[in-house]
C-alpha atoms as a PDB file:
ATOM      1  CA  MET A   1     -13.980  -6.731  45.675  1.00  0.00           C
ATOM      2  CA  LYS A   2     -14.897  -5.383  42.260  1.00  0.00           C
ATOM      3  CA  ILE A   3     -12.480  -3.142  40.387  1.00  0.00           C
ATOM      4  CA  ALA A   4     -13.795  -0.795  37.730  1.00  0.00           C
ATOM      5  CA  LEU A   5     -12.533  -1.837  34.300  1.00  0.00           C
ATOM      6  CA  PRO A   6     -11.198   1.608  33.312  1.00  0.00           C
ATOM      7  CA  PHE A   7      -9.165   1.722  36.527  1.00  0.00           C
ATOM      8  CA  LEU A   8      -7.866  -1.805  35.970  1.00  0.00           C
ATOM      9  CA  PHE A   9      -6.892  -0.934  32.400  1.00  0.00           C
ATOM     10  CA  LEU A  10      -4.960   2.127  33.513  1.00  0.00           C
ATOM     11  CA  PHE A  11      -3.279   0.106  36.259  1.00  0.00           C
ATOM     12  CA  LEU A  12      -2.112  -2.522  33.768  1.00  0.00           C
ATOM     13  CA  ILE A  13      -0.907   0.067  31.276  1.00  0.00           C
ATOM     14  CA  SER A  14       1.073   1.755  34.058  1.00  0.00           C
ATOM     15  CA  ASP A  15       2.716  -1.552  34.938  1.00  0.00           C
ATOM     16  CA  VAL A  16       3.587  -2.212  31.302  1.00  0.00           C
ATOM     17  CA  ALA A  17       5.064   1.255  30.887  1.00  0.00           C
ATOM     18  CA  SER A  18       7.256   0.865  33.935  1.00  0.00           C
ATOM     19  CA  ALA A  19       8.340  -2.687  33.112  1.00  0.00           C
ATOM     20  CA  GLN A  20       9.051  -2.504  29.387  1.00  0.00           C
ATOM     21  CA  LEU A  21      12.051  -0.219  29.583  1.00  0.00           C
ATOM     22  CA  ILE A  22      13.772  -1.374  26.419  1.00  0.00           C
ATOM     23  CA  SER A  23      12.545  -0.756  22.885  1.00  0.00           C
ATOM     24  CA  TRP A  24      13.951  -1.854  19.550  1.00  0.00           C
ATOM     25  CA  ARG A  25      15.407   1.618  19.098  1.00  0.00           C
ATOM     26  CA  ASP A  26      17.597   1.095  22.171  1.00  0.00           C
ATOM     27  CA  LEU A  27      19.147  -1.884  20.406  1.00  0.00           C
ATOM     28  CA  VAL A  28      20.081  -0.148  17.161  1.00  0.00           C
ATOM     29  CA  GLU A  29      20.950   3.428  18.126  1.00  0.00           C
ATOM     30  CA  GLY A  30      24.434   4.646  18.960  1.00  0.00           C
ATOM     31  CA  ASP A  31      27.705   2.823  18.358  1.00  0.00           C
ATOM     32  CA  LEU A  32      26.982  -0.857  17.809  1.00  0.00           C
ATOM     33  CA  PRO A  33      29.476  -3.674  18.347  1.00  0.00           C
ATOM     34  CA  GLN A  34      30.556  -5.039  14.984  1.00  0.00           C
ATOM     35  CA  PRO A  35      30.952  -8.558  13.588  1.00  0.00           C
ATOM     36  CA  ASP A  36      34.274  -9.962  12.496  1.00  0.00           C
ATOM     37  CA  GLU A  37      33.235 -10.823   8.951  1.00  0.00           C
ATOM     38  CA  ARG A  38      30.251 -10.803   6.585  1.00  0.00           C
ATOM     39  CA  PHE A  39      29.586 -13.542   4.038  1.00  0.00           C
ATOM     40  CA  HIS A  40      26.977 -13.790   1.280  1.00  0.00           C
ATOM     41  CA  TYR A  41      25.172 -17.107   1.020  1.00  0.00           C
ATOM     42  CA  GLY A  42      23.245 -16.104  -2.117  1.00  0.00           C
ATOM     43  CA  THR A  43      23.271 -13.638  -4.978  1.00  0.00           C
ATOM     44  CA  TRP A  44      20.381 -11.455  -3.841  1.00  0.00           C
ATOM     45  CA  GLU A  45      20.858  -8.311  -1.771  1.00  0.00           C
ATOM     46  CA  HIS A  46      19.791  -9.606   1.630  1.00  0.00           C
ATOM     47  CA  ALA A  47      21.432 -13.015   1.419  1.00  0.00           C
ATOM     48  CA  PHE A  48      24.191 -12.650   3.968  1.00  0.00           C
ATOM     49  CA  GLY A  49      25.232 -13.587   7.450  1.00  0.00           C
ATOM     50  CA  GLU A  50      27.623 -11.969   9.883  1.00  0.00           C
ATOM     51  CA  LEU A  51      30.209 -13.990  11.761  1.00  0.00           C
ATOM     52  CA  TRP A  52      31.223 -13.211  15.350  1.00  0.00           C
ATOM     53  CA  LEU A  53      34.362 -15.070  16.421  1.00  0.00           C
ATOM     54  CA  PRO A  54      35.565 -15.426  20.026  1.00  0.00           C
ATOM     55  CA  ASP A  55      39.229 -14.953  20.854  1.00  0.00           C
ATOM     56  CA  GLU A  56      39.703 -18.656  21.573  1.00  0.00           C
ATOM     57  CA  GLU A  57      38.214 -21.772  19.993  1.00  0.00           C
ATOM     58  CA  ALA A  58      34.436 -21.658  20.307  1.00  0.00           C
ATOM     59  CA  HIS A  59      32.763 -24.261  22.512  1.00  0.00           C
ATOM     60  CA  THR A  60      29.339 -23.874  20.822  1.00  0.00           C
ATOM     61  CA  ALA A  61      27.962 -22.285  17.665  1.00  0.00           C
ATOM     62  CA  VAL A  62      24.817 -20.163  17.629  1.00  0.00           C
ATOM     63  CA  ILE A  63      22.861 -19.516  14.451  1.00  0.00           C
ATOM     64  CA  LEU A  64      20.863 -16.391  15.186  1.00  0.00           C
ATOM     65  CA  PHE A  65      17.722 -14.967  13.546  1.00  0.00           C
ATOM     66  CA  HIS A  66      16.381 -11.485  14.233  1.00  0.00           C
ATOM     67  CA  GLY A  67      12.730 -10.547  14.550  1.00  0.00           C
ATOM     68  CA  GLY A  68      10.644  -7.707  13.186  1.00  0.00           C
ATOM     69  CA  CYS A  69       7.384  -9.329  12.033  1.00  0.00           C
ATOM     70  CA  TRP A  70       9.160 -10.805   8.978  1.00  0.00           C
ATOM     71  CA  MET A  71       8.929  -7.276   7.498  1.00  0.00           C
ATOM     72  CA  ASP A  72      11.604  -5.068   5.974  1.00  0.00           C
ATOM     73  CA  ILE A  73      10.293  -1.887   7.624  1.00  0.00           C
ATOM     74  CA  TYR A  74      12.044  -2.940  10.836  1.00  0.00           C
ATOM     75  CA  PRO A  75      15.787  -3.290  11.543  1.00  0.00           C
ATOM     76  CA  GLY A  76      17.617  -6.362  10.308  1.00  0.00           C
ATOM     77  CA  VAL A  77      20.614  -8.236  11.701  1.00  0.00           C
ATOM     78  CA  GLU A  78      21.896  -5.149  13.498  1.00  0.00           C
ATOM     79  CA  ILE A  79      19.194  -5.427  16.143  1.00  0.00           C
ATOM     80  CA  MET A  80      20.976  -8.575  17.363  1.00  0.00           C
ATOM     81  CA  ASN A  81      24.479  -7.062  17.414  1.00  0.00           C
ATOM     82  CA  HIS A  82      24.572  -6.479  21.168  1.00  0.00           C
ATOM     83  CA  MET A  83      23.413 -10.034  21.839  1.00  0.00           C
ATOM     84  CA  ALA A  84      25.851 -11.497  19.310  1.00  0.00           C
ATOM     85  CA  ALA A  85      28.737  -9.573  20.887  1.00  0.00           C
ATOM     86  CA  ALA A  86      27.767 -10.722  24.382  1.00  0.00           C
ATOM     87  CA  LEU A  87      27.655 -14.356  23.247  1.00  0.00           C
ATOM     88  CA  ARG A  88      31.001 -13.951  21.487  1.00  0.00           C
ATOM     89  CA  ASP A  89      32.496 -12.664  24.730  1.00  0.00           C
ATOM     90  CA  GLU A  90      31.331 -15.876  26.426  1.00  0.00           C
ATOM     91  CA  GLY A  91      33.086 -18.140  23.932  1.00  0.00           C
ATOM     92  CA  PHE A  92      30.320 -18.731  21.383  1.00  0.00           C
ATOM     93  CA  VAL A  93      30.776 -18.325  17.662  1.00  0.00           C
ATOM     94  CA  VAL A  94      27.705 -16.584  16.271  1.00  0.00           C
ATOM     95  CA  TRP A  95      26.342 -16.701  12.729  1.00  0.00           C
ATOM     96  CA  ASN A  96      23.809 -13.837  12.620  1.00  0.00           C
ATOM     97  CA  VAL A  97      21.600 -14.412   9.578  1.00  0.00           C
ATOM     98  CA  GLU A  98      19.838 -11.884   7.395  1.00  0.00           C
ATOM     99  CA  TYR A  99      16.941 -13.267   5.372  1.00  0.00           C
ATOM    100  CA  THR A 100      14.414 -12.194   2.769  1.00  0.00           C
ATOM    101  CA  ARG A 101      11.474 -10.347   4.326  1.00  0.00           C
ATOM    102  CA  LEU A 102       8.057  -9.077   3.346  1.00  0.00           C
ATOM    103  CA  GLY A 103       8.493  -5.898   1.343  1.00  0.00           C
ATOM    104  CA  GLN A 104      11.516  -7.279  -0.478  1.00  0.00           C
ATOM    105  CA  GLU A 105      11.567  -9.145  -3.756  1.00  0.00           C
ATOM    106  CA  SER A 106      10.574 -12.793  -3.166  1.00  0.00           C
ATOM    107  CA  GLY A 107       9.661 -12.086   0.471  1.00  0.00           C
ATOM    108  CA  GLY A 108       6.932 -14.313   1.888  1.00  0.00           C
ATOM    109  CA  TYR A 109       6.253 -17.859   0.714  1.00  0.00           C
ATOM    110  CA  PRO A 110       8.386 -19.625  -0.273  1.00  0.00           C
ATOM    111  CA  GLY A 111      11.181 -17.032  -0.438  1.00  0.00           C
ATOM    112  CA  THR A 112      11.481 -16.128   3.252  1.00  0.00           C
ATOM    113  CA  PHE A 113      11.628 -19.777   4.274  1.00  0.00           C
ATOM    114  CA  ARG A 114      14.084 -20.779   1.567  1.00  0.00           C
ATOM    115  CA  SER A 115      16.233 -17.819   2.530  1.00  0.00           C
ATOM    116  CA  ALA A 116      16.275 -19.041   6.135  1.00  0.00           C
ATOM    117  CA  ILE A 117      17.286 -22.503   4.936  1.00  0.00           C
ATOM    118  CA  PHE A 118      20.116 -21.152   2.809  1.00  0.00           C
ATOM    119  CA  GLY A 119      21.256 -18.848   5.592  1.00  0.00           C
ATOM    120  CA  ALA A 120      21.368 -21.565   8.228  1.00  0.00           C
ATOM    121  CA  ASP A 121      22.861 -24.287   6.044  1.00  0.00           C
ATOM    122  CA  SER A 122      25.554 -21.974   4.728  1.00  0.00           C
ATOM    123  CA  PHE A 123      27.102 -22.048   8.185  1.00  0.00           C
ATOM    124  CA  ASN A 124      28.558 -25.438   7.235  1.00  0.00           C
ATOM    125  CA  ARG A 125      30.701 -23.759   4.577  1.00  0.00           C
ATOM    126  CA  VAL A 126      31.601 -20.837   6.825  1.00  0.00           C
ATOM    127  CA  ALA A 127      32.576 -23.238   9.600  1.00  0.00           C
ATOM    128  CA  ALA A 128      34.710 -25.358   7.295  1.00  0.00           C
ATOM    129  CA  ASN A 129      36.566 -22.277   6.057  1.00  0.00           C
ATOM    130  CA  HIS A 130      37.268 -21.110   9.622  1.00  0.00           C
ATOM    131  CA  ASN A 131      37.884 -24.476  11.287  1.00  0.00           C
ATOM    132  CA  ILE A 132      34.796 -24.077  13.475  1.00  0.00           C
ATOM    133  CA  ARG A 133      33.274 -27.154  15.085  1.00  0.00           C
ATOM    134  CA  THR A 134      29.656 -27.954  14.170  1.00  0.00           C
ATOM    135  CA  ASP A 135      28.966 -30.707  16.686  1.00  0.00           C
ATOM    136  CA  ARG A 136      27.300 -28.260  19.110  1.00  0.00           C
ATOM    137  CA  VAL A 137      24.922 -25.989  17.195  1.00  0.00           C
ATOM    138  CA  ILE A 138      22.104 -24.005  18.773  1.00  0.00           C
ATOM    139  CA  VAL A 139      19.670 -22.212  16.505  1.00  0.00           C
ATOM    140  CA  ALA A 140      18.039 -19.253  18.204  1.00  0.00           C
ATOM    141  CA  GLY A 141      15.872 -16.311  17.303  1.00  0.00           C
ATOM    142  CA  HIS A 142      13.751 -13.504  18.662  1.00  0.00           C
ATOM    143  CA  SER A 143      10.056 -12.999  17.855  1.00  0.00           C
ATOM    144  CA  ALA A 144       9.645 -13.670  14.110  1.00  0.00           C
ATOM    145  CA  GLY A 145      13.226 -14.936  14.211  1.00  0.00           C
ATOM    146  CA  GLY A 146      12.196 -17.347  16.977  1.00  0.00           C
ATOM    147  CA  HIS A 147       9.633 -18.740  14.557  1.00  0.00           C
ATOM    148  CA  LEU A 148      12.261 -19.258  11.855  1.00  0.00           C
ATOM    149  CA  ALA A 149      14.704 -20.849  14.304  1.00  0.00           C
ATOM    150  CA  THR A 150      12.079 -23.296  15.547  1.00  0.00           C
ATOM    151  CA  TRP A 151      10.835 -23.966  12.037  1.00  0.00           C
ATOM    152  CA  LEU A 152      14.352 -24.872  10.896  1.00  0.00           C
ATOM    153  CA  ALA A 153      14.597 -27.456  13.649  1.00  0.00           C
ATOM    154  CA  ALA A 154      11.229 -28.875  12.540  1.00  0.00           C
ATOM    155  CA  ARG A 155      11.785 -28.957   8.792  1.00  0.00           C
ATOM    156  CA  HIS A 156      12.615 -32.658   8.816  1.00  0.00           C
ATOM    157  CA  ASN A 157       8.836 -33.106   9.239  1.00  0.00           C
ATOM    158  CA  LEU A 158       7.846 -31.048   6.200  1.00  0.00           C
ATOM    159  CA  PRO A 159       5.168 -32.637   3.994  1.00  0.00           C
ATOM    160  CA  GLU A 160       6.658 -34.361   0.986  1.00  0.00           C
ATOM    161  CA  GLU A 161       4.665 -32.186  -1.400  1.00  0.00           C
ATOM    162  CA  SER A 162       5.785 -28.910   0.173  1.00  0.00           C
ATOM    163  CA  ALA A 163       7.624 -26.387  -1.979  1.00  0.00           C
ATOM    164  CA  LEU A 164       9.975 -26.048   0.990  1.00  0.00           C
ATOM    165  CA  ASN A 165      10.841 -29.749   0.942  1.00  0.00           C
ATOM    166  CA  LEU A 166      12.349 -29.754  -2.538  1.00  0.00           C
ATOM    167  CA  ASP A 167      16.026 -30.274  -3.290  1.00  0.00           C
ATOM    168  CA  ILE A 168      16.483 -26.566  -3.885  1.00  0.00           C
ATOM    169  CA  TYR A 169      20.256 -26.579  -4.065  1.00  0.00           C
ATOM    170  CA  GLY A 170      21.306 -30.032  -5.182  1.00  0.00           C
ATOM    171  CA  GLU A 171      24.733 -30.812  -3.785  1.00  0.00           C
ATOM    172  CA  LEU A 172      25.772 -27.186  -3.332  1.00  0.00           C
ATOM    173  CA  GLN A 173      25.046 -27.128   0.357  1.00  0.00           C
ATOM    174  CA  GLN A 174      24.889 -29.608   3.215  1.00  0.00           C
ATOM    175  CA  LYS A 175      22.006 -29.442   5.657  1.00  0.00           C
ATOM    176  CA  ILE A 176      23.080 -28.046   9.023  1.00  0.00           C
ATOM    177  CA  GLU A 177      22.648 -30.333  12.007  1.00  0.00           C
ATOM    178  CA  ILE A 178      20.808 -28.596  14.840  1.00  0.00           C
ATOM    179  CA  HIS A 179      21.296 -29.785  18.418  1.00  0.00           C
ATOM    180  CA  GLY A 180      19.047 -27.395  20.333  1.00  0.00           C
ATOM    181  CA  VAL A 181      16.645 -24.455  19.926  1.00  0.00           C
ATOM    182  CA  ILE A 182      16.166 -21.297  21.995  1.00  0.00           C
ATOM    183  CA  SER A 183      13.098 -19.346  20.963  1.00  0.00           C
ATOM    184  CA  LEU A 184      12.931 -15.871  22.497  1.00  0.00           C
ATOM    185  CA  ALA A 185       9.327 -14.676  22.337  1.00  0.00           C
ATOM    186  CA  GLY A 186       8.972 -16.870  19.272  1.00  0.00           C
ATOM    187  CA  ILE A 187       5.802 -16.850  17.180  1.00  0.00           C
ATOM    188  CA  ASN A 188       5.678 -20.603  16.760  1.00  0.00           C
ATOM    189  CA  ASP A 189       1.980 -21.243  16.214  1.00  0.00           C
ATOM    190  CA  LEU A 190       1.155 -19.095  13.224  1.00  0.00           C
ATOM    191  CA  GLU A 191      -2.538 -19.912  13.125  1.00  0.00           C
ATOM    192  CA  ARG A 192      -3.048 -19.102  16.789  1.00  0.00           C
ATOM    193  CA  TYR A 193      -1.077 -15.875  16.410  1.00  0.00           C
ATOM    194  CA  ASN A 194      -3.043 -14.928  13.314  1.00  0.00           C
ATOM    195  CA  ASN A 195      -6.303 -15.440  15.192  1.00  0.00           C
ATOM    196  CA  TYR A 196      -5.403 -13.817  18.504  1.00  0.00           C
ATOM    197  CA  GLY A 197      -2.303 -11.677  18.353  1.00  0.00           C
ATOM    198  CA  ALA A 198      -1.188 -10.554  14.923  1.00  0.00           C
ATOM    199  CA  THR A 199      -2.532  -7.000  14.898  1.00  0.00           C
ATOM    200  CA  LEU A 200       0.728  -5.493  16.180  1.00  0.00           C
ATOM    201  CA  CYS A 201       2.461  -6.991  13.135  1.00  0.00           C
ATOM    202  CA  GLY A 202      -0.343  -5.899  10.807  1.00  0.00           C
ATOM    203  CA  GLN A 203      -3.676  -7.487  10.055  1.00  0.00           C
ATOM    204  CA  ASN A 204      -2.544  -9.512   7.022  1.00  0.00           C
ATOM    205  CA  THR A 205       1.086 -10.193   7.850  1.00  0.00           C
ATOM    206  CA  ILE A 206       0.722 -13.904   8.581  1.00  0.00           C
ATOM    207  CA  GLU A 207      -1.434 -14.415   5.474  1.00  0.00           C
ATOM    208  CA  ARG A 208       1.174 -12.645   3.347  1.00  0.00           C
ATOM    209  CA  LEU A 209       4.002 -14.617   4.920  1.00  0.00           C
ATOM    210  CA  ILE A 210       2.451 -18.014   4.182  1.00  0.00           C
ATOM    211  CA  ASP A 211       0.519 -17.079   0.993  1.00  0.00           C
ATOM    212  CA  TYR A 212      -2.803 -17.885   2.612  1.00  0.00           C
ATOM    213  CA  GLU A 213      -4.764 -16.248  -0.205  1.00  0.00           C
ATOM    214  CA  ASN A 214      -3.621 -18.861  -2.711  1.00  0.00           C
ATOM    215  CA  ARG A 215      -3.005 -21.808  -0.400  1.00  0.00           C
ATOM    216  CA  GLY A 216      -5.813 -21.619   2.135  1.00  0.00           C
ATOM    217  CA  SER A 217      -5.600 -23.367   5.498  1.00  0.00           C
ATOM    218  CA  GLU A 218      -3.012 -25.805   4.126  1.00  0.00           C
ATOM    219  CA  ALA A 219      -0.579 -22.899   4.184  1.00  0.00           C
ATOM    220  CA  TYR A 220       0.052 -23.552   7.878  1.00  0.00           C
ATOM    221  CA  SER A 221       1.085 -27.168   7.292  1.00  0.00           C
ATOM    222  CA  ASP A 222       4.618 -26.392   6.119  1.00  0.00           C
ATOM    223  CA  THR A 223       5.206 -22.955   7.663  1.00  0.00           C
ATOM    224  CA  SER A 224       4.067 -23.217  11.291  1.00  0.00           C
ATOM    225  CA  PRO A 225       6.255 -25.131  13.767  1.00  0.00           C
ATOM    226  CA  ALA A 226       3.092 -26.088  15.646  1.00  0.00           C
ATOM    227  CA  GLU A 227       2.142 -28.246  12.638  1.00  0.00           C
ATOM    228  CA  LEU A 228       5.577 -29.863  12.311  1.00  0.00           C
ATOM    229  CA  LEU A 229       6.203 -31.343  15.752  1.00  0.00           C
ATOM    230  CA  PRO A 230       8.107 -33.058  17.253  1.00  0.00           C
ATOM    231  CA  LEU A 231      11.340 -31.103  16.938  1.00  0.00           C
ATOM    232  CA  GLY A 232      13.489 -33.918  18.268  1.00  0.00           C
ATOM    233  CA  VAL A 233      16.000 -31.643  20.019  1.00  0.00           C
ATOM    234  CA  PRO A 234      15.957 -29.766  23.352  1.00  0.00           C
ATOM    235  CA  PHE A 235      13.757 -26.697  23.068  1.00  0.00           C
ATOM    236  CA  VAL A 236      13.441 -23.603  25.253  1.00  0.00           C
ATOM    237  CA  GLU A 237      10.755 -20.956  24.890  1.00  0.00           C
ATOM    238  CA  VAL A 238      11.240 -17.664  26.730  1.00  0.00           C
ATOM    239  CA  SER A 239       8.258 -15.376  27.287  1.00  0.00           C
ATOM    240  CA  ALA A 240       7.915 -12.090  29.160  1.00  0.00           C
ATOM    241  CA  VAL A 241       5.039 -10.976  31.350  1.00  0.00           C
ATOM    242  CA  PHE A 242       4.732  -7.541  29.745  1.00  0.00           C
ATOM    243  CA  ASP A 243       5.397  -8.587  26.152  1.00  0.00           C
ATOM    244  CA  ALA A 244       2.744  -6.785  24.109  1.00  0.00           C
ATOM    245  CA  PRO A 245       3.650  -8.166  20.628  1.00  0.00           C
ATOM    246  CA  VAL A 246       3.905 -11.799  21.795  1.00  0.00           C
ATOM    247  CA  PRO A 247       2.095 -12.264  25.123  1.00  0.00           C
ATOM    248  CA  PRO A 248       3.262 -15.244  27.194  1.00  0.00           C
ATOM    249  CA  PHE A 249       0.193 -17.371  26.549  1.00  0.00           C
ATOM    250  CA  PHE A 250       1.512 -18.024  23.017  1.00  0.00           C
ATOM    251  CA  GLY A 251       4.685 -19.515  24.473  1.00  0.00           C
ATOM    252  CA  TYR A 252       2.661 -21.459  27.023  1.00  0.00           C
ATOM    253  CA  HIS A 253       0.438 -23.093  24.407  1.00  0.00           C
ATOM    254  CA  PHE A 254       3.269 -23.970  22.039  1.00  0.00           C
ATOM    255  CA  ALA A 255       5.450 -25.370  24.808  1.00  0.00           C
ATOM    256  CA  ASN A 256       2.611 -27.621  25.931  1.00  0.00           C
ATOM    257  CA  LYS A 257       1.972 -28.770  22.381  1.00  0.00           C
ATOM    258  CA  ALA A 258       5.656 -29.597  21.839  1.00  0.00           C
ATOM    259  CA  ARG A 259       5.813 -31.387  25.180  1.00  0.00           C
ATOM    260  CA  ASP A 260       2.740 -33.449  24.278  1.00  0.00           C
ATOM    261  CA  ALA A 261       4.486 -34.400  21.034  1.00  0.00           C
ATOM    262  CA  GLY A 262       7.365 -35.846  23.060  1.00  0.00           C
ATOM    263  CA  ASP A 263       9.871 -33.016  22.938  1.00  0.00           C
ATOM    264  CA  ASP A 264      12.222 -31.976  25.747  1.00  0.00           C
ATOM    265  CA  VAL A 265      10.722 -28.553  26.501  1.00  0.00           C
ATOM    266  CA  THR A 266      11.432 -25.744  28.939  1.00  0.00           C
ATOM    267  CA  HIS A 267       9.198 -22.682  29.129  1.00  0.00           C
ATOM    268  CA  ILE A 268      10.456 -19.660  31.052  1.00  0.00           C
ATOM    269  CA  VAL A 269       8.382 -16.567  31.794  1.00  0.00           C
ATOM    270  CA  GLN A 270      10.468 -13.549  32.711  1.00  0.00           C
ATOM    271  CA  GLN A 271       8.995 -11.139  35.233  1.00  0.00           C
ATOM    272  CA  ASP A 272       9.174  -7.340  34.950  1.00  0.00           C
ATOM    273  CA  ALA A 273      10.170  -7.608  31.302  1.00  0.00           C
ATOM    274  CA  GLY A 274       8.791  -6.792  27.890  1.00  0.00           C
ATOM    275  CA  HIS A 275       9.555  -7.877  24.351  1.00  0.00           C
ATOM    276  CA  PHE A 276      13.167  -6.721  24.096  1.00  0.00           C
ATOM    277  CA  GLU A 277      14.763  -7.173  27.515  1.00  0.00           C
ATOM    278  CA  MET A 278      15.628 -10.776  26.672  1.00  0.00           C
ATOM    279  CA  ILE A 279      17.972  -9.747  23.830  1.00  0.00           C
ATOM    280  CA  ALA A 280      19.565  -6.777  25.619  1.00  0.00           C
ATOM    281  CA  PRO A 281      22.756  -7.832  27.467  1.00  0.00           C
ATOM    282  CA  TRP A 282      22.519  -4.865  29.863  1.00  0.00           C
ATOM    283  CA  SER A 283      19.075  -5.910  31.123  1.00  0.00           C
ATOM    284  CA  ASP A 284      18.381  -7.659  34.420  1.00  0.00           C
ATOM    285  CA  GLN A 285      17.041 -10.607  32.433  1.00  0.00           C
ATOM    286  CA  TRP A 286      20.167 -11.264  30.372  1.00  0.00           C
ATOM    287  CA  THR A 287      21.966 -13.484  32.888  1.00  0.00           C
ATOM    288  CA  GLU A 288      19.110 -15.977  32.718  1.00  0.00           C
ATOM    289  CA  ILE A 289      19.225 -15.942  28.917  1.00  0.00           C
ATOM    290  CA  LEU A 290      22.992 -16.426  28.833  1.00  0.00           C
ATOM    291  CA  ASN A 291      22.729 -19.388  31.196  1.00  0.00           C
ATOM    292  CA  LEU A 292      20.245 -21.004  28.831  1.00  0.00           C
ATOM    293  CA  PHE A 293      22.811 -20.868  26.041  1.00  0.00           C
ATOM    294  CA  LEU A 294      25.602 -22.101  28.313  1.00  0.00           C
ATOM    295  CA  ASN A 295      23.626 -25.062  29.655  1.00  0.00           C
ATOM    296  CA  LEU A 296      21.272 -26.173  26.877  1.00  0.00           C
ATOM    297  CA  LEU A 297      23.560 -28.829  25.391  1.00  0.00           C
ATOM    298  CA  ASP A 298      25.207 -30.016  28.634  1.00  0.00           C
END
């Protein structure tokens, strides 16, 4: 049976509208749960992380990166506050990292990536000051933050000549050891996303992020997790059927590529969900996400 394309389009749009109930505004409006402390890991304005401490000794640490197309026109760490609070309630310590974004001074290459490095590695100092264990560390992120989380786990494979592979802080900071990655709608193949899906983030966002104009196709070699495999740690990619910014085929392709490289990979596709349900603790999808964090390192 043939279905007229206009009718099919309207049918799909209706499904998306009914399924994607949560928007980014739902995550930042109203009274937000608040972190226990904020620490600056650098001297620039956006170089800080927020620490969420459970009532008892934490069993696992989560280093968390927010999304927003790597751009400063969208919310920052606060969009992850509900998720951070929910993880704290389950006995996780959470280090919710702010990082330099496009639209801010030094945003893009190499500043955004170096900021992510500083932000993640600074957890060693925070943990030492608060007697927090670092033998069970999950790095996780949503959307653009999923890219940064995955990239951090892959940075041991950076090309020697990369500006991101330099000793940028001497002995000031110890590299954080990552034991697992949870990428929530992560944009982990930058070239594929630039070719097929980047319009919702802006036509030139990926090029600006990686400085494609000056670096050409080599710009993907040290910025895209797809070019830096294997990760060497357990990896989970979560996609959603009705995710317009990062459709599930991006997760599917990256998961297969990581699996082919020898990584321990799980790819989950959530039904009846859009881009933000997976980071909203009141959603029907949250229990599955929480279980991923509880079980990843066991």
